[in-house]
């Protein structure tokens, strides 16, 4: 066992959770804006050889289509990760706050200072 103390400030934990949630919201906002702004331009590159090479890539694998999917999928994963992190931070803050309150109540019940 260690003699180190753990210091906890529930307000800071909740602020961190909110900040992480805002990061998620901003990432999602970028994705939403991207989807809106590109949907009306879908296919603007044409169906000729140059357009197909742009969309599919010269080898049929590394064009705009796969790059777009990878970028959107990765950004979506980042947004999901930030949401999960924010939720975990909030849940941790609640648990630690409740544990701290329980400790205070226990000390008061045993004649300790509070």
PDB file of N, CA and C in Angstrom:
ATOM      1  N   UNK A   1       0.837  -1.168   0.000  1.00  0.00           N
ATOM      2  CA  UNK A   1       0.000   0.000   0.000  1.00  0.00           C
ATOM      3  C   UNK A   1       0.888   1.240   0.000  1.00  0.00           C
ATOM      4  N   UNK A   2       0.387   2.308  -0.501  1.00  0.00           N
ATOM      5  CA  UNK A   2       1.165   3.539  -0.609  1.00  0.00           C
ATOM      6  C   UNK A   2       0.602   4.615   0.305  1.00  0.00           C
ATOM      7  N   UNK A   3       1.444   5.551   0.658  1.00  0.00           N
ATOM      8  CA  UNK A   3       1.003   6.658   1.503  1.00  0.00           C
ATOM      9  C   UNK A   3       0.547   7.859   0.685  1.00  0.00           C
ATOM     10  N   UNK A   4       0.489   7.718  -0.630  1.00  0.00           N
ATOM     11  CA  UNK A   4       0.079   8.830  -1.482  1.00  0.00           C
ATOM     12  C   UNK A   4      -1.426   9.048  -1.382  1.00  0.00           C
ATOM     13  N   UNK A   5      -1.811  10.303  -1.418  1.00  0.00           N
ATOM     14  CA  UNK A   5      -3.225  10.658  -1.396  1.00  0.00           C
ATOM     15  C   UNK A   5      -3.711  10.896  -2.817  1.00  0.00           C
ATOM     16  N   UNK A   6      -4.957  10.615  -3.036  1.00  0.00           N
ATOM     17  CA  UNK A   6      -5.594  10.917  -4.311  1.00  0.00           C
ATOM     18  C   UNK A   6      -6.447  12.152  -4.095  1.00  0.00           C
ATOM     19  N   UNK A   7      -6.207  13.142  -4.913  1.00  0.00           N
ATOM     20  CA  UNK A   7      -6.999  14.363  -4.812  1.00  0.00           C
ATOM     21  C   UNK A   7      -8.016  14.351  -5.941  1.00  0.00           C
ATOM     22  N   UNK A   8      -9.236  14.696  -5.615  1.00  0.00           N
ATOM     23  CA  UNK A   8     -10.319  14.623  -6.584  1.00  0.00           C
ATOM     24  C   UNK A   8     -11.127  15.901  -6.533  1.00  0.00           C
ATOM     25  N   UNK A   9     -11.378  16.463  -7.690  1.00  0.00           N
ATOM     26  CA  UNK A   9     -12.239  17.634  -7.814  1.00  0.00           C
ATOM     27  C   UNK A   9     -13.304  17.280  -8.842  1.00  0.00           C
ATOM     28  N   UNK A  10     -14.503  16.978  -8.369  1.00  0.00           N
ATOM     29  CA  UNK A  10     -15.554  16.523  -9.283  1.00  0.00           C
ATOM     30  C   UNK A  10     -15.853  17.567 -10.348  1.00  0.00           C
ATOM     31  N   UNK A  11     -15.761  18.833  -9.991  1.00  0.00           N
ATOM     32  CA  UNK A  11     -16.012  19.884 -10.976  1.00  0.00           C
ATOM     33  C   UNK A  11     -15.064  19.793 -12.158  1.00  0.00           C
ATOM     34  N   UNK A  12     -13.788  19.508 -11.879  1.00  0.00           N
ATOM     35  CA  UNK A  12     -12.811  19.378 -12.962  1.00  0.00           C
ATOM     36  C   UNK A  12     -13.070  18.131 -13.803  1.00  0.00           C
ATOM     37  N   UNK A  13     -13.477  17.047 -13.155  1.00  0.00           N
ATOM     38  CA  UNK A  13     -13.806  15.834 -13.904  1.00  0.00           C
ATOM     39  C   UNK A  13     -14.987  16.092 -14.835  1.00  0.00           C
ATOM     40  N   UNK A  14     -16.018  16.751 -14.317  1.00  0.00           N
ATOM     41  CA  UNK A  14     -17.183  17.036 -15.149  1.00  0.00           C
ATOM     42  C   UNK A  14     -16.829  18.008 -16.278  1.00  0.00           C
ATOM     43  N   UNK A  15     -15.958  18.985 -16.008  1.00  0.00           N
ATOM     44  CA  UNK A  15     -15.510  19.905 -17.061  1.00  0.00           C
ATOM     45  C   UNK A  15     -14.757  19.150 -18.151  1.00  0.00           C
ATOM     46  N   UNK A  16     -13.914  18.219 -17.746  1.00  0.00           N
ATOM     47  CA  UNK A  16     -13.165  17.421 -18.726  1.00  0.00           C
ATOM     48  C   UNK A  16     -14.119  16.603 -19.592  1.00  0.00           C
ATOM     49  N   UNK A  17     -15.123  16.011 -18.969  1.00  0.00           N
ATOM     50  CA  UNK A  17     -16.105  15.227 -19.721  1.00  0.00           C
ATOM     51  C   UNK A  17     -16.849  16.114 -20.711  1.00  0.00           C
ATOM     52  N   UNK A  18     -17.227  17.307 -20.278  1.00  0.00           N
ATOM     53  CA  UNK A  18     -17.919  18.239 -21.174  1.00  0.00           C
ATOM     54  C   UNK A  18     -17.016  18.663 -22.328  1.00  0.00           C
ATOM     55  N   UNK A  19     -15.752  18.952 -22.032  1.00  0.00           N
ATOM     56  CA  UNK A  19     -14.809  19.367 -23.080  1.00  0.00           C
ATOM     57  C   UNK A  19     -14.614  18.249 -24.101  1.00  0.00           C
ATOM     58  N   UNK A  20     -14.497  17.028 -23.629  1.00  0.00           N
ATOM     59  CA  UNK A  20     -14.340  15.891 -24.532  1.00  0.00           C
ATOM     60  C   UNK A  20     -15.595  15.713 -25.375  1.00  0.00           C
ATOM     61  N   UNK A  21     -16.755  15.920 -24.771  1.00  0.00           N
ATOM     62  CA  UNK A  21     -18.010  15.855 -25.520  1.00  0.00           C
ATOM     63  C   UNK A  21     -18.075  16.917 -26.606  1.00  0.00           C
ATOM     64  N   UNK A  22     -17.544  18.100 -26.310  1.00  0.00           N
ATOM     65  CA  UNK A  22     -17.530  19.164 -27.323  1.00  0.00           C
ATOM     66  C   UNK A  22     -16.580  18.816 -28.478  1.00  0.00           C
ATOM     67  N   UNK A  23     -15.481  18.137 -28.180  1.00  0.00           N
ATOM     68  CA  UNK A  23     -14.580  17.681 -29.248  1.00  0.00           C
ATOM     69  C   UNK A  23     -15.337  16.731 -30.164  1.00  0.00           C
ATOM     70  N   UNK A  24     -16.061  15.810 -29.574  1.00  0.00           N
ATOM     71  CA  UNK A  24     -16.869  14.876 -30.360  1.00  0.00           C
ATOM     72  C   UNK A  24     -17.875  15.626 -31.217  1.00  0.00           C
ATOM     73  N   UNK A  25     -18.544  16.620 -30.635  1.00  0.00           N
ATOM     74  CA  UNK A  25     -19.536  17.393 -31.382  1.00  0.00           C
ATOM     75  C   UNK A  25     -18.906  18.121 -32.568  1.00  0.00           C
ATOM     76  N   UNK A  26     -17.710  18.638 -32.373  1.00  0.00           N
ATOM     77  CA  UNK A  26     -17.037  19.360 -33.458  1.00  0.00           C
ATOM     78  C   UNK A  26     -16.619  18.408 -34.576  1.00  0.00           C
ATOM     79  N   UNK A  27     -16.120  17.242 -34.205  1.00  0.00           N
ATOM     80  CA  UNK A  27     -15.763  16.252 -35.230  1.00  0.00           C
ATOM     81  C   UNK A  27     -17.010  15.856 -36.009  1.00  0.00           C
ATOM     82  N   UNK A  28     -18.095  15.598 -35.296  1.00  0.00           N
ATOM     83  CA  UNK A  28     -19.336  15.215 -35.963  1.00  0.00           C
ATOM     84  C   UNK A  28     -19.841  16.352 -36.838  1.00  0.00           C
ATOM     85  N   UNK A  29     -19.685  17.588 -36.384  1.00  0.00           N
ATOM     86  CA  UNK A  29     -20.088  18.743 -37.187  1.00  0.00           C
ATOM     87  C   UNK A  29     -19.317  18.821 -38.495  1.00  0.00           C
ATOM     88  N   UNK A  30     -18.026  18.538 -38.440  1.00  0.00           N
ATOM     89  CA  UNK A  30     -17.213  18.523 -39.661  1.00  0.00           C
ATOM     90  C   UNK A  30     -17.714  17.432 -40.603  1.00  0.00           C
ATOM     91  N   UNK A  31     -18.002  16.259 -40.065  1.00  0.00           N
ATOM     92  CA  UNK A  31     -18.513  15.169 -40.898  1.00  0.00           C
ATOM     93  C   UNK A  31     -19.851  15.528 -41.532  1.00  0.00           C
ATOM     94  N   UNK A  32     -20.733  16.135 -40.748  1.00  0.00           N
ATOM     95  CA  UNK A  32     -22.041  16.529 -41.275  1.00  0.00           C
ATOM     96  C   UNK A  32     -21.902  17.578 -42.370  1.00  0.00           C
ATOM     97  N   UNK A  33     -21.036  18.566 -42.150  1.00  0.00           N
ATOM     98  CA  UNK A  33     -20.802  19.609 -43.150  1.00  0.00           C
ATOM     99  C   UNK A  33     -20.206  19.010 -44.417  1.00  0.00           C
ATOM    100  N   UNK A  34     -19.263  18.105 -44.249  1.00  0.00           N
ATOM    101  CA  UNK A  34     -18.648  17.446 -45.397  1.00  0.00           C
ATOM    102  C   UNK A  34     -19.691  16.681 -46.205  1.00  0.00           C
ATOM    103  N   UNK A  35     -20.541  15.933 -45.526  1.00  0.00           N
ATOM    104  CA  UNK A  35     -21.569  15.155 -46.216  1.00  0.00           C
ATOM    105  C   UNK A  35     -22.526  16.069 -46.973  1.00  0.00           C
ATOM    106  N   UNK A  36     -22.928  17.160 -46.343  1.00  0.00           N
ATOM    107  CA  UNK A  36     -23.855  18.093 -46.979  1.00  0.00           C
ATOM    108  C   UNK A  36     -23.223  18.767 -48.191  1.00  0.00           C
ATOM    109  N   UNK A  37     -21.990  19.210 -48.031  1.00  0.00           N
ATOM    110  CA  UNK A  37     -21.352  19.964 -49.112  1.00  0.00           C
ATOM    111  C   UNK A  37     -20.919  19.086 -50.281  1.00  0.00           C
ATOM    112  N   UNK A  38     -20.670  17.822 -50.055  1.00  0.00           N
ATOM    113  CA  UNK A  38     -20.228  16.958 -51.152  1.00  0.00           C
ATOM    114  C   UNK A  38     -21.368  16.192 -51.815  1.00  0.00           C
ATOM    115  N   UNK A  39     -22.506  16.071 -51.156  1.00  0.00           N
ATOM    116  CA  UNK A  39     -23.588  15.260 -51.723  1.00  0.00           C
ATOM    117  C   UNK A  39     -24.093  15.825 -53.049  1.00  0.00           C
ATOM    118  N   UNK A  40     -24.149  17.136 -53.182  1.00  0.00           N
ATOM    119  CA  UNK A  40     -24.647  17.730 -54.419  1.00  0.00           C
ATOM    120  C   UNK A  40     -23.610  17.669 -55.541  1.00  0.00           C
ATOM    121  N   UNK A  41     -22.385  17.354 -55.217  1.00  0.00           N
ATOM    122  CA  UNK A  41     -21.319  17.309 -56.223  1.00  0.00           C
ATOM    123  C   UNK A  41     -20.964  15.876 -56.638  1.00  0.00           C
ATOM    124  N   UNK A  42     -21.662  14.927 -56.099  1.00  0.00           N
ATOM    125  CA  UNK A  42     -21.373  13.523 -56.393  1.00  0.00           C
ATOM    126  C   UNK A  42     -21.423  13.291 -57.902  1.00  0.00           C
ATOM    127  N   UNK A  43     -20.380  12.722 -58.436  1.00  0.00           N
ATOM    128  CA  UNK A  43     -20.327  12.400 -59.857  1.00  0.00           C
ATOM    129  C   UNK A  43     -19.849  13.527 -60.750  1.00  0.00           C
ATOM    130  N   UNK A  44     -19.479  14.670 -60.178  1.00  0.00           N
ATOM    131  CA  UNK A  44     -19.078  15.818 -61.001  1.00  0.00           C
ATOM    132  C   UNK A  44     -17.807  15.554 -61.793  1.00  0.00           C
ATOM    133  N   UNK A  45     -17.087  14.509 -61.466  1.00  0.00           N
ATOM    134  CA  UNK A  45     -15.835  14.201 -62.153  1.00  0.00           C
ATOM    135  C   UNK A  45     -16.063  13.511 -63.483  1.00  0.00           C
ATOM    136  N   UNK A  46     -17.293  13.097 -63.745  1.00  0.00           N
ATOM    137  CA  UNK A  46     -17.635  12.496 -65.028  1.00  0.00           C
ATOM    138  C   UNK A  46     -17.383  11.004 -65.078  1.00  0.00           C
ATOM    139  N   UNK A  47     -17.782  10.427 -66.205  1.00  0.00           N
ATOM    140  CA  UNK A  47     -17.674   8.971 -66.355  1.00  0.00           C
ATOM    141  C   UNK A  47     -16.655   8.570 -67.425  1.00  0.00           C
ATOM    142  N   UNK A  48     -15.906   9.536 -67.920  1.00  0.00           N
ATOM    143  CA  UNK A  48     -14.863   9.205 -68.890  1.00  0.00           C
ATOM    144  C   UNK A  48     -13.661   8.584 -68.167  1.00  0.00           C
ATOM    145  N   UNK A  49     -12.624   8.284 -68.886  1.00  0.00           N
ATOM    146  CA  UNK A  49     -11.442   7.645 -68.294  1.00  0.00           C
ATOM    147  C   UNK A  49     -10.846   8.492 -67.182  1.00  0.00           C
ATOM    148  N   UNK A  50     -10.727   9.785 -67.415  1.00  0.00           N
ATOM    149  CA  UNK A  50     -10.172  10.676 -66.403  1.00  0.00           C
ATOM    150  C   UNK A  50     -11.043  10.675 -65.140  1.00  0.00           C
ATOM    151  N   UNK A  51     -12.354  10.744 -65.319  1.00  0.00           N
ATOM    152  CA  UNK A  51     -13.277  10.725 -64.180  1.00  0.00           C
ATOM    153  C   UNK A  51     -13.226   9.412 -63.417  1.00  0.00           C
ATOM    154  N   UNK A  52     -13.194   8.293 -64.159  1.00  0.00           N
ATOM    155  CA  UNK A  52     -13.113   6.972 -63.507  1.00  0.00           C
ATOM    156  C   UNK A  52     -11.799   6.817 -62.756  1.00  0.00           C
ATOM    157  N   UNK A  53     -10.706   7.291 -63.364  1.00  0.00           N
ATOM    158  CA  UNK A  53      -9.408   7.207 -62.680  1.00  0.00           C
ATOM    159  C   UNK A  53      -9.399   8.044 -61.408  1.00  0.00           C
ATOM    160  N   UNK A  54     -10.031   9.200 -61.458  1.00  0.00           N
ATOM    161  CA  UNK A  54     -10.118  10.027 -60.258  1.00  0.00           C
ATOM    162  C   UNK A  54     -10.924   9.304 -59.182  1.00  0.00           C
ATOM    163  N   UNK A  55     -12.097   8.800 -59.557  1.00  0.00           N
ATOM    164  CA  UNK A  55     -12.994   8.194 -58.579  1.00  0.00           C
ATOM    165  C   UNK A  55     -12.476   6.854 -58.070  1.00  0.00           C
ATOM    166  N   UNK A  56     -12.009   6.014 -58.967  1.00  0.00           N
ATOM    167  CA  UNK A  56     -11.591   4.657 -58.584  1.00  0.00           C
ATOM    168  C   UNK A  56     -10.088   4.518 -58.421  1.00  0.00           C
ATOM    169  N   UNK A  57      -9.343   5.432 -58.968  1.00  0.00           N
ATOM    170  CA  UNK A  57      -7.888   5.298 -58.978  1.00  0.00           C
ATOM    171  C   UNK A  57      -7.463   4.556 -60.224  1.00  0.00           C
ATOM    172  N   UNK A  58      -6.270   4.825 -60.721  1.00  0.00           N
ATOM    173  CA  UNK A  58      -5.817   4.175 -61.952  1.00  0.00           C
ATOM    174  C   UNK A  58      -5.768   2.654 -61.835  1.00  0.00           C
ATOM    175  N   UNK A  59      -5.525   2.169 -60.633  1.00  0.00           N
ATOM    176  CA  UNK A  59      -5.489   0.716 -60.427  1.00  0.00           C
ATOM    177  C   UNK A  59      -6.824   0.185 -59.912  1.00  0.00           C
ATOM    178  N   UNK A  60      -7.826   1.067 -59.859  1.00  0.00           N
ATOM    179  CA  UNK A  60      -9.156   0.666 -59.398  1.00  0.00           C
ATOM    180  C   UNK A  60      -9.293   0.562 -57.899  1.00  0.00           C
ATOM    181  N   UNK A  61      -8.298   1.078 -57.160  1.00  0.00           N
ATOM    182  CA  UNK A  61      -8.314   0.857 -55.717  1.00  0.00           C
ATOM    183  C   UNK A  61      -7.974   2.088 -54.880  1.00  0.00           C
ATOM    184  N   UNK A  62      -7.298   3.061 -55.435  1.00  0.00           N
ATOM    185  CA  UNK A  62      -6.783   4.160 -54.619  1.00  0.00           C
ATOM    186  C   UNK A  62      -7.296   5.525 -55.051  1.00  0.00           C
ATOM    187  N   UNK A  63      -8.529   5.598 -55.444  1.00  0.00           N
ATOM    188  CA  UNK A  63      -9.071   6.871 -55.892  1.00  0.00           C
ATOM    189  C   UNK A  63      -9.839   7.599 -54.803  1.00  0.00           C
ATOM    190  N   UNK A  64     -10.605   8.569 -55.267  1.00  0.00           N
ATOM    191  CA  UNK A  64     -11.398   9.405 -54.372  1.00  0.00           C
ATOM    192  C   UNK A  64     -12.358   8.569 -53.532  1.00  0.00           C
ATOM    193  N   UNK A  65     -12.992   7.579 -54.148  1.00  0.00           N
ATOM    194  CA  UNK A  65     -13.983   6.769 -53.432  1.00  0.00           C
ATOM    195  C   UNK A  65     -13.391   6.121 -52.181  1.00  0.00           C
ATOM    196  N   UNK A  66     -12.281   5.423 -52.325  1.00  0.00           N
ATOM    197  CA  UNK A  66     -11.705   4.742 -51.160  1.00  0.00           C
ATOM    198  C   UNK A  66     -11.116   5.740 -50.169  1.00  0.00           C
ATOM    199  N   UNK A  67     -10.530   6.822 -50.673  1.00  0.00           N
ATOM    200  CA  UNK A  67      -9.994   7.848 -49.768  1.00  0.00           C
ATOM    201  C   UNK A  67     -11.109   8.489 -48.953  1.00  0.00           C
ATOM    202  N   UNK A  68     -12.213   8.801 -49.615  1.00  0.00           N
ATOM    203  CA  UNK A  68     -13.355   9.402 -48.923  1.00  0.00           C
ATOM    204  C   UNK A  68     -13.893   8.455 -47.853  1.00  0.00           C
ATOM    205  N   UNK A  69     -14.087   7.203 -48.220  1.00  0.00           N
ATOM    206  CA  UNK A  69     -14.611   6.230 -47.255  1.00  0.00           C
ATOM    207  C   UNK A  69     -13.683   6.088 -46.055  1.00  0.00           C
ATOM    208  N   UNK A  70     -12.389   5.982 -46.310  1.00  0.00           N
ATOM    209  CA  UNK A  70     -11.427   5.844 -45.211  1.00  0.00           C
ATOM    210  C   UNK A  70     -11.431   7.072 -44.312  1.00  0.00           C
ATOM    211  N   UNK A  71     -11.459   8.241 -44.917  1.00  0.00           N
ATOM    212  CA  UNK A  71     -11.449   9.483 -44.137  1.00  0.00           C
ATOM    213  C   UNK A  71     -12.703   9.607 -43.286  1.00  0.00           C
ATOM    214  N   UNK A  72     -13.850   9.367 -43.886  1.00  0.00           N
ATOM    215  CA  UNK A  72     -15.120   9.473 -43.153  1.00  0.00           C
ATOM    216  C   UNK A  72     -15.199   8.406 -42.063  1.00  0.00           C
ATOM    217  N   UNK A  73     -14.784   7.191 -42.378  1.00  0.00           N
ATOM    218  CA  UNK A  73     -14.805   6.121 -41.369  1.00  0.00           C
ATOM    219  C   UNK A  73     -13.878   6.443 -40.199  1.00  0.00           C
ATOM    220  N   UNK A  74     -12.672   6.916 -40.506  1.00  0.00           N
ATOM    221  CA  UNK A  74     -11.720   7.244 -39.437  1.00  0.00           C
ATOM    222  C   UNK A  74     -12.215   8.399 -38.577  1.00  0.00           C
ATOM    223  N   UNK A  75     -12.755   9.423 -39.205  1.00  0.00           N
ATOM    224  CA  UNK A  75     -13.286  10.553 -38.433  1.00  0.00           C
ATOM    225  C   UNK A  75     -14.488  10.110 -37.604  1.00  0.00           C
ATOM    226  N   UNK A  76     -15.321   9.237 -38.165  1.00  0.00           N
ATOM    227  CA  UNK A  76     -16.448   8.702 -37.403  1.00  0.00           C
ATOM    228  C   UNK A  76     -15.981   7.903 -36.200  1.00  0.00           C
ATOM    229  N   UNK A  77     -14.909   7.145 -36.376  1.00  0.00           N
ATOM    230  CA  UNK A  77     -14.336   6.395 -35.251  1.00  0.00           C
ATOM    231  C   UNK A  77     -13.791   7.338 -34.187  1.00  0.00           C
ATOM    232  N   UNK A  78     -13.187   8.436 -34.625  1.00  0.00           N
ATOM    233  CA  UNK A  78     -12.692   9.428 -33.663  1.00  0.00           C
ATOM    234  C   UNK A  78     -13.856  10.025 -32.876  1.00  0.00           C
ATOM    235  N   UNK A  79     -14.945  10.354 -33.563  1.00  0.00           N
ATOM    236  CA  UNK A  79     -16.110  10.921 -32.882  1.00  0.00           C
ATOM    237  C   UNK A  79     -16.678   9.924 -31.879  1.00  0.00           C
ATOM    238  N   UNK A  80     -16.781   8.670 -32.282  1.00  0.00           N
ATOM    239  CA  UNK A  80     -17.277   7.629 -31.375  1.00  0.00           C
ATOM    240  C   UNK A  80     -16.348   7.470 -30.179  1.00  0.00           C
ATOM    241  N   UNK A  81     -15.045   7.482 -30.426  1.00  0.00           N
ATOM    242  CA  UNK A  81     -14.074   7.378 -29.336  1.00  0.00           C
ATOM    243  C   UNK A  81     -14.189   8.531 -28.351  1.00  0.00           C
ATOM    244  N   UNK A  82     -14.369   9.743 -28.871  1.00  0.00           N
ATOM    245  CA  UNK A  82     -14.522  10.913 -27.995  1.00  0.00           C
ATOM    246  C   UNK A  82     -15.816  10.821 -27.184  1.00  0.00           C
ATOM    247  N   UNK A  83     -16.866  10.316 -27.823  1.00  0.00           N
ATOM    248  CA  UNK A  83     -18.135  10.144 -27.100  1.00  0.00           C
ATOM    249  C   UNK A  83     -17.958   9.130 -25.974  1.00  0.00           C
ATOM    250  N   UNK A  84     -17.316   8.012 -26.274  1.00  0.00           N
ATOM    251  CA  UNK A  84     -17.091   6.986 -25.254  1.00  0.00           C
ATOM    252  C   UNK A  84     -16.202   7.502 -24.130  1.00  0.00           C
ATOM    253  N   UNK A  85     -15.169   8.257 -24.488  1.00  0.00           N
ATOM    254  CA  UNK A  85     -14.281   8.823 -23.475  1.00  0.00           C
ATOM    255  C   UNK A  85     -15.035   9.807 -22.588  1.00  0.00           C
ATOM    256  N   UNK A  86     -15.844  10.657 -23.202  1.00  0.00           N
ATOM    257  CA  UNK A  86     -16.635  11.626 -22.440  1.00  0.00           C
ATOM    258  C   UNK A  86     -17.590  10.919 -21.482  1.00  0.00           C
ATOM    259  N   UNK A  87     -18.247   9.883 -21.978  1.00  0.00           N
ATOM    260  CA  UNK A  87     -19.162   9.112 -21.132  1.00  0.00           C
ATOM    261  C   UNK A  87     -18.403   8.478 -19.969  1.00  0.00           C
ATOM    262  N   UNK A  88     -17.246   7.897 -20.248  1.00  0.00           N
ATOM    263  CA  UNK A  88     -16.433   7.288 -19.192  1.00  0.00           C
ATOM    264  C   UNK A  88     -15.949   8.301 -18.174  1.00  0.00           C
ATOM    265  N   UNK A  89     -15.547   9.486 -18.653  1.00  0.00           N
ATOM    266  CA  UNK A  89     -15.116  10.538 -17.732  1.00  0.00           C
ATOM    267  C   UNK A  89     -16.272  10.957 -16.824  1.00  0.00           C
ATOM    268  N   UNK A  90     -17.445  11.108 -17.409  1.00  0.00           N
ATOM    269  CA  UNK A  90     -18.610  11.522 -16.621  1.00  0.00           C
ATOM    270  C   UNK A  90     -18.972  10.454 -15.595  1.00  0.00           C
ATOM    271  N   UNK A  91     -18.999   9.198 -16.035  1.00  0.00           N
ATOM    272  CA  UNK A  91     -19.332   8.108 -15.111  1.00  0.00           C
ATOM    273  C   UNK A  91     -18.300   8.011 -13.986  1.00  0.00           C
ATOM    274  N   UNK A  92     -17.034   8.190 -14.316  1.00  0.00           N
ATOM    275  CA  UNK A  92     -15.983   8.164 -13.287  1.00  0.00           C
ATOM    276  C   UNK A  92     -16.164   9.295 -12.295  1.00  0.00           C
ATOM    277  N   UNK A  93     -16.503  10.472 -12.811  1.00  0.00           N
ATOM    278  CA  UNK A  93     -16.717  11.623 -11.929  1.00  0.00           C
ATOM    279  C   UNK A  93     -17.863  11.356 -10.963  1.00  0.00           C
ATOM    280  N   UNK A  94     -18.942  10.778 -11.470  1.00  0.00           N
ATOM    281  CA  UNK A  94     -20.089  10.468 -10.607  1.00  0.00           C
ATOM    282  C   UNK A  94     -19.691   9.440  -9.553  1.00  0.00           C
ATOM    283  N   UNK A  95     -19.002   8.377  -9.968  1.00  0.00           N
ATOM    284  CA  UNK A  95     -18.599   7.336  -9.015  1.00  0.00           C
ATOM    285  C   UNK A  95     -17.659   7.883  -7.944  1.00  0.00           C
ATOM    286  N   UNK A  96     -16.678   8.665  -8.356  1.00  0.00           N
ATOM    287  CA  UNK A  96     -15.738   9.228  -7.378  1.00  0.00           C
ATOM    288  C   UNK A  96     -16.424  10.229  -6.457  1.00  0.00           C
ATOM    289  N   UNK A  97     -17.312  11.029  -7.013  1.00  0.00           N
ATOM    290  CA  UNK A  97     -18.050  11.988  -6.184  1.00  0.00           C
ATOM    291  C   UNK A  97     -18.889  11.249  -5.145  1.00  0.00           C
ATOM    292  N   UNK A  98     -19.592  10.208  -5.598  1.00  0.00           N
ATOM    293  CA  UNK A  98     -20.430   9.441  -4.676  1.00  0.00           C
ATOM    294  C   UNK A  98     -19.587   8.713  -3.629  1.00  0.00           C
ATOM    295  N   UNK A  99     -18.431   8.189  -4.047  1.00  0.00           N
ATOM    296  CA  UNK A  99     -17.545   7.515  -3.102  1.00  0.00           C
ATOM    297  C   UNK A  99     -17.024   8.514  -2.066  1.00  0.00           C
ATOM    298  N   UNK A 100     -16.650   9.690  -2.529  1.00  0.00           N
ATOM    299  CA  UNK A 100     -16.168  10.719  -1.610  1.00  0.00           C
ATOM    300  C   UNK A 100     -17.263  11.119  -0.616  1.00  0.00           C
ATOM    301  N   UNK A 101     -18.478  11.252  -1.119  1.00  0.00           N
ATOM    302  CA  UNK A 101     -19.590  11.597  -0.227  1.00  0.00           C
ATOM    303  C   UNK A 101     -19.841  10.469   0.768  1.00  0.00           C
ATOM    304  N   UNK A 102     -19.760   9.227   0.307  1.00  0.00           N
ATOM    305  CA  UNK A 102     -19.923   8.088   1.210  1.00  0.00           C
ATOM    306  C   UNK A 102     -18.852   8.055   2.287  1.00  0.00           C
ATOM    307  N   UNK A 103     -17.629   8.382   1.900  1.00  0.00           N
ATOM    308  CA  UNK A 103     -16.548   8.444   2.891  1.00  0.00           C
ATOM    309  C   UNK A 103     -16.817   9.531   3.924  1.00  0.00           C
ATOM    310  N   UNK A 104     -17.268  10.687   3.453  1.00  0.00           N
ATOM    311  CA  UNK A 104     -17.596  11.772   4.391  1.00  0.00           C
ATOM    312  C   UNK A 104     -18.710  11.350   5.343  1.00  0.00           C
ATOM    313  N   UNK A 105     -19.749  10.750   4.765  1.00  0.00           N
ATOM    314  CA  UNK A 105     -20.877  10.314   5.594  1.00  0.00           C
ATOM    315  C   UNK A 105     -20.432   9.266   6.605  1.00  0.00           C
ATOM    316  N   UNK A 106     -19.548   8.353   6.175  1.00  0.00           N
ATOM    317  CA  UNK A 106     -19.046   7.322   7.081  1.00  0.00           C
ATOM    318  C   UNK A 106     -18.240   7.908   8.219  1.00  0.00           C
ATOM    319  N   UNK A 107     -17.423   8.895   7.916  1.00  0.00           N
ATOM    320  CA  UNK A 107     -16.634   9.541   8.969  1.00  0.00           C
ATOM    321  C   UNK A 107     -17.533  10.291   9.942  1.00  0.00           C
ATOM    322  N   UNK A 108     -18.537  10.923   9.420  1.00  0.00           N
ATOM    323  CA  UNK A 108     -19.464  11.650  10.292  1.00  0.00           C
ATOM    324  C   UNK A 108     -20.223  10.688  11.197  1.00  0.00           C
ATOM    325  N   UNK A 109     -20.583   9.537  10.645  1.00  0.00           N
ATOM    326  CA  UNK A 109     -21.330   8.553  11.418  1.00  0.00           C
ATOM    327  C   UNK A 109     -20.506   7.911  12.518  1.00  0.00           C
ATOM    328  N   UNK A 110     -19.176   7.939  12.359  1.00  0.00           N
ATOM    329  CA  UNK A 110     -18.292   7.349  13.361  1.00  0.00           C
ATOM    330  C   UNK A 110     -17.691   8.407  14.274  1.00  0.00           C
ATOM    331  N   UNK A 111     -18.247   9.581  14.227  1.00  0.00           N
ATOM    332  CA  UNK A 111     -17.750  10.630  15.119  1.00  0.00           C
ATOM    333  C   UNK A 111     -16.549  11.364  14.575  1.00  0.00           C
ATOM    334  N   UNK A 112     -16.245  11.135  13.301  1.00  0.00           N
ATOM    335  CA  UNK A 112     -15.114  11.832  12.704  1.00  0.00           C
ATOM    336  C   UNK A 112     -15.476  13.264  12.361  1.00  0.00           C
ATOM    337  N   UNK A 113     -14.482  13.982  11.926  1.00  0.00           N
ATOM    338  CA  UNK A 113     -14.732  15.367  11.522  1.00  0.00           C
ATOM    339  C   UNK A 113     -15.318  15.372  10.124  1.00  0.00           C
ATOM    340  N   UNK A 114     -16.123  16.391   9.799  1.00  0.00           N
ATOM    341  CA  UNK A 114     -16.710  16.449   8.476  1.00  0.00           C
ATOM    342  C   UNK A 114     -16.891  17.776   7.939  1.00  0.00           C
TER     343      UNK A 114
END
